[in-house]
Amino acid sequence: MIEKIEITTTSGDVHNFKKGEFSVEAIEIDELRGLIEISYGLTEGGKKYVLIPIQNVEKCEFLDKEITTPNDTSIKTNVKTD
């Protein structure tokens, strides 16, 4: 899950998006469609999306926060008894 992203386009414009700021709900990179998709929360006018074609991106930096859920939550210790 991408938390924040900084995109520099080929025209030199820099765009910053951060999840939770300015109603940004999700940031996704869709390599199949060749788009960076920013989705905003539902407002009275509807849901807003920003689509940036990857071909127009010169540089892209993002923070990817992985959610891990461990299968085994028990505490393991190395104890030797003689």
C-alpha atoms as a PDB file:
ATOM      1  CA  MET A   1       0.000   0.000   0.000  1.00  0.00           C
ATOM      2  CA  ILE A   2       1.531   3.296  -1.108  1.00  0.00           C
ATOM      3  CA  GLU A   3       1.451   5.916   1.656  1.00  0.00           C
ATOM      4  CA  LYS A   4       2.893   8.888  -0.223  1.00  0.00           C
ATOM      5  CA  ILE A   5       4.243   9.613  -3.681  1.00  0.00           C
ATOM      6  CA  GLU A   6       6.193  12.373  -5.424  1.00  0.00           C
ATOM      7  CA  ILE A   7       5.873  12.488  -9.207  1.00  0.00           C
ATOM      8  CA  THR A   8       7.983  14.603 -11.555  1.00  0.00           C
ATOM      9  CA  THR A   9       6.489  14.807 -15.034  1.00  0.00           C
ATOM     10  CA  THR A  10       8.394  15.220 -18.296  1.00  0.00           C
ATOM     11  CA  SER A  11       7.195  18.852 -18.409  1.00  0.00           C
ATOM     12  CA  GLY A  12       8.988  19.505 -15.081  1.00  0.00           C
ATOM     13  CA  ASP A  13       5.905  19.718 -12.851  1.00  0.00           C
ATOM     14  CA  VAL A  14       6.172  18.085  -9.430  1.00  0.00           C
ATOM     15  CA  HIS A  15       3.112  16.550  -7.764  1.00  0.00           C
ATOM     16  CA  ASN A  16       2.954  15.261  -4.180  1.00  0.00           C
ATOM     17  CA  PHE A  17       0.178  13.057  -2.841  1.00  0.00           C
ATOM     18  CA  LYS A  18      -0.095  11.604   0.670  1.00  0.00           C
ATOM     19  CA  LYS A  19      -2.730   9.200   1.908  1.00  0.00           C
ATOM     20  CA  GLY A  20      -5.001  10.984   4.380  1.00  0.00           C
ATOM     21  CA  GLU A  21      -4.136  14.507   3.214  1.00  0.00           C
ATOM     22  CA  PHE A  22      -6.714  16.467   1.218  1.00  0.00           C
ATOM     23  CA  SER A  23      -9.092  13.454   1.275  1.00  0.00           C
ATOM     24  CA  VAL A  24      -6.669  11.128  -0.579  1.00  0.00           C
ATOM     25  CA  GLU A  25      -7.909   7.585   0.076  1.00  0.00           C
ATOM     26  CA  ALA A  26      -5.665   5.427  -2.105  1.00  0.00           C
ATOM     27  CA  ILE A  27      -2.585   5.651  -4.312  1.00  0.00           C
ATOM     28  CA  GLU A  28      -2.012   2.868  -6.827  1.00  0.00           C
ATOM     29  CA  ILE A  29       0.325   2.188  -9.742  1.00  0.00           C
ATOM     30  CA  ASP A  30      -1.392   0.160 -12.462  1.00  0.00           C
ATOM     31  CA  GLU A  31       1.376  -1.082 -14.732  1.00  0.00           C
ATOM     32  CA  LEU A  32      -1.051  -2.959 -17.010  1.00  0.00           C
ATOM     33  CA  ARG A  33      -2.984   0.199 -17.889  1.00  0.00           C
ATOM     34  CA  GLY A  34       0.125   2.399 -17.613  1.00  0.00           C
ATOM     35  CA  LEU A  35      -1.376   4.747 -15.018  1.00  0.00           C
ATOM     36  CA  ILE A  36      -0.731   6.136 -11.578  1.00  0.00           C
ATOM     37  CA  GLU A  37      -4.154   6.429  -9.934  1.00  0.00           C
ATOM     38  CA  ILE A  38      -4.948   8.730  -7.008  1.00  0.00           C
ATOM     39  CA  SER A  39      -8.461   8.333  -5.567  1.00  0.00           C
ATOM     40  CA  TYR A  40     -10.115  10.832  -3.275  1.00  0.00           C
ATOM     41  CA  GLY A  41     -12.946  10.383  -0.784  1.00  0.00           C
ATOM     42  CA  LEU A  42     -16.606  10.720  -1.627  1.00  0.00           C
ATOM     43  CA  THR A  43     -17.837  14.313  -1.684  1.00  0.00           C
ATOM     44  CA  GLU A  44     -21.178  15.869  -2.539  1.00  0.00           C
ATOM     45  CA  GLY A  45     -20.040  16.086  -6.169  1.00  0.00           C
ATOM     46  CA  GLY A  46     -19.005  12.423  -6.349  1.00  0.00           C
ATOM     47  CA  LYS A  47     -15.722  10.559  -6.153  1.00  0.00           C
ATOM     48  CA  LYS A  48     -12.624  12.198  -7.645  1.00  0.00           C
ATOM     49  CA  TYR A  49      -9.765  10.395  -9.376  1.00  0.00           C
ATOM     50  CA  VAL A  50      -6.462  11.690 -10.719  1.00  0.00           C
ATOM     51  CA  LEU A  51      -4.934   9.544 -13.475  1.00  0.00           C
ATOM     52  CA  ILE A  52      -1.339  10.217 -14.507  1.00  0.00           C
ATOM     53  CA  PRO A  53       0.002   8.289 -17.519  1.00  0.00           C
ATOM     54  CA  ILE A  54       3.302   6.578 -16.680  1.00  0.00           C
ATOM     55  CA  GLN A  55       4.682   7.653 -20.074  1.00  0.00           C
ATOM     56  CA  ASN A  56       4.501  11.296 -18.857  1.00  0.00           C
ATOM     57  CA  VAL A  57       6.451  10.548 -15.667  1.00  0.00           C
ATOM     58  CA  GLU A  58      10.150  11.372 -15.596  1.00  0.00           C
ATOM     59  CA  LYS A  59      10.729  10.470 -11.938  1.00  0.00           C
ATOM     60  CA  CYS A  60       8.593   8.803  -9.299  1.00  0.00           C
ATOM     61  CA  GLU A  61       9.430   8.312  -5.620  1.00  0.00           C
ATOM     62  CA  PHE A  62       7.034   6.648  -3.219  1.00  0.00           C
ATOM     63  CA  LEU A  63       6.809   5.128   0.238  1.00  0.00           C
ATOM     64  CA  ASP A  64       5.337   1.642   0.119  1.00  0.00           C
ATOM     65  CA  LYS A  65       4.031   0.449   3.479  1.00  0.00           C
ATOM     66  CA  GLU A  66       3.659  -3.316   3.607  1.00  0.00           C
ATOM     67  CA  ILE A  67       1.117  -4.849   5.925  1.00  0.00           C
ATOM     68  CA  THR A  68       2.341  -8.108   7.369  1.00  0.00           C
ATOM     69  CA  THR A  69       0.334 -10.449   9.517  1.00  0.00           C
ATOM     70  CA  PRO A  70       2.488 -13.083  11.162  1.00  0.00           C
ATOM     71  CA  ASN A  71       1.099 -16.607  11.140  1.00  0.00           C
ATOM     72  CA  ASP A  72       2.663 -17.526  14.454  1.00  0.00           C
ATOM     73  CA  THR A  73       2.336 -14.929  17.201  1.00  0.00           C
ATOM     74  CA  SER A  74       3.935 -16.984  19.949  1.00  0.00           C
ATOM     75  CA  ILE A  75       7.180 -15.826  21.528  1.00  0.00           C
ATOM     76  CA  LYS A  76      10.105 -18.113  20.810  1.00  0.00           C
ATOM     77  CA  THR A  77      13.187 -18.279  22.986  1.00  0.00           C
ATOM     78  CA  ASN A  78      16.290 -20.422  22.851  1.00  0.00           C
ATOM     79  CA  VAL A  79      16.483 -22.255  26.165  1.00  0.00           C
ATOM     80  CA  LYS A  80      18.916 -25.117  26.716  1.00  0.00           C
ATOM     81  CA  THR A  81      18.506 -27.437  29.655  1.00  0.00           C
ATOM     82  CA  ASP A  82      21.225 -29.926  30.602  1.00  0.00           C
END
